[in-house]
Amino acid sequence: MKGLTTLYEVLGVAIGGSLGALSRYGVGVACEFLFASSFPWAILLVNGVGCFLFGLVAVAMASVDPA
């Protein structure tokens, strides 16, 4: 079963990475439209929200009984 667990881990990382890239692009397009700045606001915003959501998932997983 170890091979199947590794596959799920790889798929989870791939899905998370693709969602992060797509959200950075979408927010980047919106930020270019809203702000006339060379500062990468989209990356800052998406990374901040992503860290917050990852924290929520980590807390939720830590409170689950592994029985």
Protein backbone atom coordinates (compact mmCIF):
# COMPACT_ATOMS: atom_id res chain seq x y z
CA MET A 1 0.00 0.00 0.00
CA LYS A 2 3.00 2.33 0.31
CA GLY A 3 3.04 2.92 -3.46
CA LEU A 4 -0.58 4.05 -3.44
CA THR A 5 0.04 6.48 -0.58
CA THR A 6 2.98 7.97 -2.47
CA LEU A 7 0.78 8.37 -5.55
CA TYR A 8 -1.82 10.27 -3.53
CA GLU A 9 0.90 12.51 -2.11
CA VAL A 10 2.26 13.26 -5.58
CA LEU A 11 -1.23 13.97 -6.89
CA GLY A 12 -1.93 16.26 -3.94
CA VAL A 13 1.22 18.26 -4.59
CA ALA A 14 0.47 18.45 -8.31
CA ILE A 15 -3.10 19.63 -7.76
CA GLY A 16 -2.01 22.16 -5.16
CA GLY A 17 0.73 23.50 -7.40
CA SER A 18 -1.55 23.86 -10.39
CA LEU A 19 -4.22 25.63 -8.33
CA GLY A 20 -1.59 27.99 -6.95
CA ALA A 21 -0.24 28.80 -10.40
CA LEU A 22 -3.70 29.39 -11.86
CA SER A 23 -4.75 31.60 -8.97
CA ARG A 24 -1.52 33.63 -9.20
CA TYR A 25 -2.15 34.18 -12.90
CA GLY A 26 -5.80 35.16 -12.45
CA VAL A 27 -5.11 37.48 -9.54
CA GLY A 28 -2.11 38.86 -11.43
CA VAL A 29 -4.30 39.82 -14.38
CA ALA A 30 -6.80 41.44 -12.02
CA CYS A 31 -4.08 43.32 -10.11
CA GLU A 32 -2.56 44.64 -13.33
CA PHE A 33 -5.98 46.01 -14.20
CA LEU A 34 -6.61 47.51 -10.74
CA PHE A 35 -3.14 48.72 -9.71
CA ALA A 36 -0.60 50.45 -11.90
CA SER A 37 2.37 49.23 -9.89
CA SER A 38 5.45 47.13 -10.56
CA PHE A 39 5.16 45.50 -7.11
CA PRO A 40 3.96 41.86 -7.39
CA TRP A 41 0.72 42.34 -5.41
CA ALA A 42 -0.82 39.18 -6.89
CA ILE A 43 1.94 36.92 -5.59
CA LEU A 44 1.78 38.50 -2.14
CA LEU A 45 -2.00 38.17 -1.99
CA VAL A 46 -2.18 34.60 -3.29
CA ASN A 47 0.67 33.40 -1.09
CA GLY A 48 -0.88 35.01 1.99
CA VAL A 49 -4.28 33.45 1.35
CA GLY A 50 -2.65 30.11 0.53
CA CYS A 51 -0.69 30.10 3.78
CA PHE A 52 -3.85 30.89 5.72
CA LEU A 53 -5.77 28.06 4.03
CA PHE A 54 -2.88 25.65 4.53
CA GLY A 55 -2.89 26.54 8.22
CA LEU A 56 -6.61 25.80 8.44
CA VAL A 57 -6.12 22.42 6.77
CA ALA A 58 -3.17 21.60 9.06
CA VAL A 59 -5.21 22.41 12.17
CA ALA A 60 -8.15 20.37 10.89
CA MET A 61 -5.92 17.39 10.11
CA ALA A 62 -4.20 17.61 13.49
CA SER A 63 -7.52 17.38 15.29
CA VAL A 64 -8.60 14.20 13.44
CA ASP A 65 -8.17 10.97 15.39
CA PRO A 66 -5.81 8.71 13.37
CA ALA A 67 -7.48 5.53 14.66
